[in-house]
Amino acid sequence: MAKALDQAPTDLEAILAQESSLVFPTFTADTAYTLGTYLYTRLRSFSSSPCVINITLANSAQLLFHACTHPGTSPDNDIWVARKRATVLRWGCSSWYMSQKFEANHNWESKEKTFAEKYMLGEKAGQYAIHGGGVPVRVRGVEGIVGVVVVSGLKQHEDHAVVVEGILEIIEQLEQGIN
């Protein structure tokens, strides 16, 4: 039986603390491949839901890894990936953090409306998703975001939790010299 995912924190300070621990010693195409295959294997170990895994560089949107875990994904999954990625790049934090930032509005339409109004997004609001699953890639000694890891297909807290788990696992491997 597969290990259960850790719960995604819902407190904003706890989310930011978690994100501050997600700093790679280095990040290359090989790192992205290792992370992507870890996520693929991990997702298949506990879910039969079709999910998309996407890892890109931040400055060029260069695709480093893209896979579907099971048959049944649709073009909508890739739209969610793009929207979560855009959120991470614009606000410099996970899409889960942005989701929880607006969680006080329990009605989803109200949450989305408050988000769009706060940032004066107008008709561009649909380019962003405040749903968990998009996480920034940071590298020690490098300012800003180097890349973005996105999982789309599960409940948003699960999308976020599996990405965080994968990043932590690969960082640990890199620091131990396993990769």
Protein backbone atom coordinates (compact mmCIF):
# COMPACT_ATOMS: atom_id res chain seq x y z
CA MET A 1 0.00 0.00 0.00
CA ALA A 2 1.30 3.44 -0.92
CA LYS A 3 2.33 5.92 1.75
CA ALA A 4 -0.33 8.58 2.31
CA LEU A 5 0.40 12.15 1.29
CA ASP A 6 1.18 14.64 4.01
CA GLN A 7 -1.52 17.21 4.60
CA ALA A 8 -0.94 20.47 2.79
CA PRO A 9 -0.74 23.29 5.35
CA THR A 10 -3.53 25.84 5.22
CA ASP A 11 -1.98 28.58 7.38
CA LEU A 12 -0.28 31.18 5.18
CA GLU A 13 2.82 31.42 7.37
CA ALA A 14 3.15 27.62 7.41
CA ILE A 15 2.86 27.49 3.61
CA LEU A 16 5.57 30.14 3.22
CA ALA A 17 7.79 28.30 5.71
CA GLN A 18 7.29 25.10 3.74
CA GLU A 19 8.13 26.88 0.49
CA SER A 20 11.29 28.38 1.99
CA SER A 21 12.54 24.82 2.59
CA LEU A 22 12.11 23.92 -1.08
CA VAL A 23 15.47 25.17 -2.35
CA PHE A 24 17.50 22.98 -4.66
CA PRO A 25 21.30 22.98 -4.47
CA THR A 26 21.22 22.88 -8.30
CA PHE A 27 18.53 22.44 -10.94
CA THR A 28 19.15 21.05 -14.41
CA ALA A 29 17.22 19.15 -17.06
CA ASP A 30 18.43 15.98 -15.32
CA THR A 31 16.97 17.23 -12.03
CA ALA A 32 13.66 17.96 -13.74
CA TYR A 33 13.60 14.47 -15.25
CA THR A 34 14.36 12.85 -11.90
CA LEU A 35 11.67 14.91 -10.18
CA GLY A 36 9.16 14.29 -12.97
CA THR A 37 9.68 10.52 -12.93
CA TYR A 38 9.46 10.50 -9.12
CA LEU A 39 6.11 12.34 -9.33
CA TYR A 40 4.88 10.02 -12.08
CA THR A 41 5.68 6.91 -10.05
CA ARG A 42 4.34 8.40 -6.83
CA LEU A 43 1.06 9.54 -8.36
CA ARG A 44 0.48 6.12 -9.93
CA SER A 45 1.15 4.47 -6.55
CA PHE A 46 -1.90 5.97 -4.87
CA SER A 47 -4.26 7.34 -7.51
CA SER A 48 -5.95 6.08 -10.65
CA SER A 49 -6.96 9.64 -11.55
CA PRO A 50 -5.41 10.94 -14.75
CA CYS A 51 -2.93 13.67 -13.83
CA VAL A 52 -0.57 15.89 -15.77
CA ILE A 53 2.95 16.58 -14.50
CA ASN A 54 4.67 19.60 -16.02
CA ILE A 55 8.07 21.12 -15.25
CA THR A 56 9.30 24.22 -17.07
CA LEU A 57 11.99 26.82 -16.74
CA ALA A 58 10.75 30.19 -15.57
CA ASN A 59 12.45 32.64 -17.88
CA SER A 60 11.81 30.89 -21.17
CA ALA A 61 8.91 28.53 -20.49
CA GLN A 62 11.20 25.80 -21.82
CA LEU A 63 9.53 22.47 -21.21
CA LEU A 64 11.77 20.10 -19.24
CA PHE A 65 9.25 17.37 -18.36
CA HIS A 66 5.64 16.61 -19.25
CA ALA A 67 3.76 13.38 -18.63
CA CYS A 68 0.29 12.02 -18.02
CA THR A 69 -0.13 9.38 -15.33
CA HIS A 70 -3.16 7.57 -16.77
CA PRO A 71 -5.36 7.73 -19.85
CA GLY A 72 -8.15 10.25 -19.59
CA THR A 73 -6.48 13.62 -19.36
CA SER A 74 -7.94 16.33 -21.55
CA PRO A 75 -6.84 19.67 -22.97
CA ASP A 76 -8.39 21.20 -19.85
CA ASN A 77 -5.58 19.68 -17.76
CA ASP A 78 -3.00 21.56 -19.82
CA ILE A 79 -5.01 24.78 -19.44
CA TRP A 80 -4.97 24.28 -15.66
CA VAL A 81 -1.21 23.68 -15.83
CA ALA A 82 -0.69 26.93 -17.73
CA ARG A 83 -2.90 28.90 -15.33
CA LYS A 84 -1.19 27.50 -12.20
CA ARG A 85 2.22 28.19 -13.75
CA ALA A 86 1.21 31.79 -14.54
CA THR A 87 0.14 32.28 -10.91
CA VAL A 88 3.46 31.01 -9.56
CA LEU A 89 5.45 33.20 -11.93
CA ARG A 90 3.43 36.37 -11.29
CA TRP A 91 3.21 36.16 -7.49
CA GLY A 92 6.40 34.20 -6.75
CA CYS A 93 4.69 31.65 -4.53
CA SER A 94 2.75 28.43 -4.89
CA SER A 95 -0.72 28.45 -6.36
CA TRP A 96 -1.78 26.71 -3.11
CA TYR A 97 -0.63 29.76 -1.13
CA MET A 98 -2.73 31.99 -3.37
CA SER A 99 -5.70 29.67 -2.95
CA GLN A 100 -5.45 29.77 0.82
CA LYS A 101 -4.92 33.54 0.81
CA PHE A 102 -8.43 33.91 -0.57
CA GLU A 103 -9.97 31.00 1.37
CA ALA A 104 -11.85 33.33 3.73
CA ASN A 105 -14.45 33.56 0.96
CA HIS A 106 -15.95 30.09 1.14
CA ASN A 107 -18.10 30.59 -1.95
CA TRP A 108 -15.85 29.77 -4.91
CA GLU A 109 -17.28 32.48 -7.17
CA SER A 110 -16.74 35.05 -4.44
CA LYS A 111 -13.17 33.82 -3.91
CA GLU A 112 -12.36 34.15 -7.62
CA LYS A 113 -14.04 37.55 -7.82
CA THR A 114 -12.14 38.88 -4.78
CA PHE A 115 -8.87 37.62 -6.28
CA ALA A 116 -9.55 39.29 -9.64
CA GLU A 117 -10.59 42.56 -8.03
CA LYS A 118 -7.67 42.71 -5.59
CA TYR A 119 -5.14 42.45 -8.41
CA MET A 120 -7.22 44.41 -10.96
CA LEU A 121 -7.04 41.52 -13.41
CA GLY A 122 -10.21 42.31 -15.35
CA GLU A 123 -10.64 40.04 -18.33
CA LYS A 124 -7.17 38.55 -17.74
CA ALA A 125 -8.28 36.85 -14.50
CA GLY A 126 -8.82 33.58 -16.35
CA GLN A 127 -5.10 33.38 -17.12
CA TYR A 128 -4.43 32.56 -13.46
CA ALA A 129 -5.56 29.71 -11.21
CA ILE A 130 -5.66 29.99 -7.46
CA HIS A 131 -5.77 26.22 -7.02
CA GLY A 132 -3.00 24.15 -5.50
CA GLY A 133 -0.52 22.26 -7.64
CA GLY A 134 1.90 24.90 -8.93
CA VAL A 135 5.13 25.25 -6.94
CA PRO A 136 8.15 27.46 -7.66
CA VAL A 137 11.60 25.97 -8.24
CA ARG A 138 14.24 27.90 -6.34
CA VAL A 139 17.99 27.28 -6.34
CA ARG A 140 20.38 28.19 -3.55
CA GLY A 141 22.33 31.33 -4.48
CA VAL A 142 20.03 32.25 -7.39
CA GLU A 143 17.62 35.14 -7.01
CA GLY A 144 14.04 34.53 -8.07
CA ILE A 145 12.27 31.54 -9.48
CA VAL A 146 14.20 29.19 -11.76
CA GLY A 147 11.28 27.01 -12.81
CA VAL A 148 7.80 25.81 -11.99
CA VAL A 149 6.52 22.33 -11.16
CA VAL A 150 2.81 21.72 -11.70
CA VAL A 151 0.57 18.73 -11.06
CA SER A 152 -3.03 18.87 -12.22
CA GLY A 153 -5.70 16.24 -11.84
CA LEU A 154 -6.25 15.59 -8.13
CA LYS A 155 -7.88 17.68 -5.44
CA GLN A 156 -5.91 20.89 -5.17
CA HIS A 157 -4.43 20.11 -1.74
CA GLU A 158 -3.24 16.74 -3.09
CA ASP A 159 -1.73 18.33 -6.20
CA HIS A 160 0.24 20.65 -3.90
CA ALA A 161 1.23 17.98 -1.39
CA VAL A 162 2.62 15.56 -3.97
CA VAL A 163 4.73 18.27 -5.63
CA VAL A 164 6.15 19.35 -2.26
CA GLU A 165 6.89 15.73 -1.34
CA GLY A 166 8.65 15.17 -4.66
CA ILE A 167 10.75 18.32 -4.39
CA LEU A 168 11.81 17.46 -0.84
CA GLU A 169 12.74 13.93 -1.90
CA ILE A 170 14.86 15.07 -4.84
CA ILE A 171 16.55 17.82 -2.81
CA GLU A 172 17.49 15.20 -0.20
CA GLN A 173 18.88 12.91 -2.92
CA LEU A 174 20.91 15.76 -4.42
CA GLU A 175 22.32 16.79 -1.04
CA GLN A 176 23.29 13.20 -0.30
CA GLY A 177 24.92 12.87 -3.70
CA ILE A 178 22.53 10.16 -4.85
CA ASN A 179 21.74 11.84 -8.20
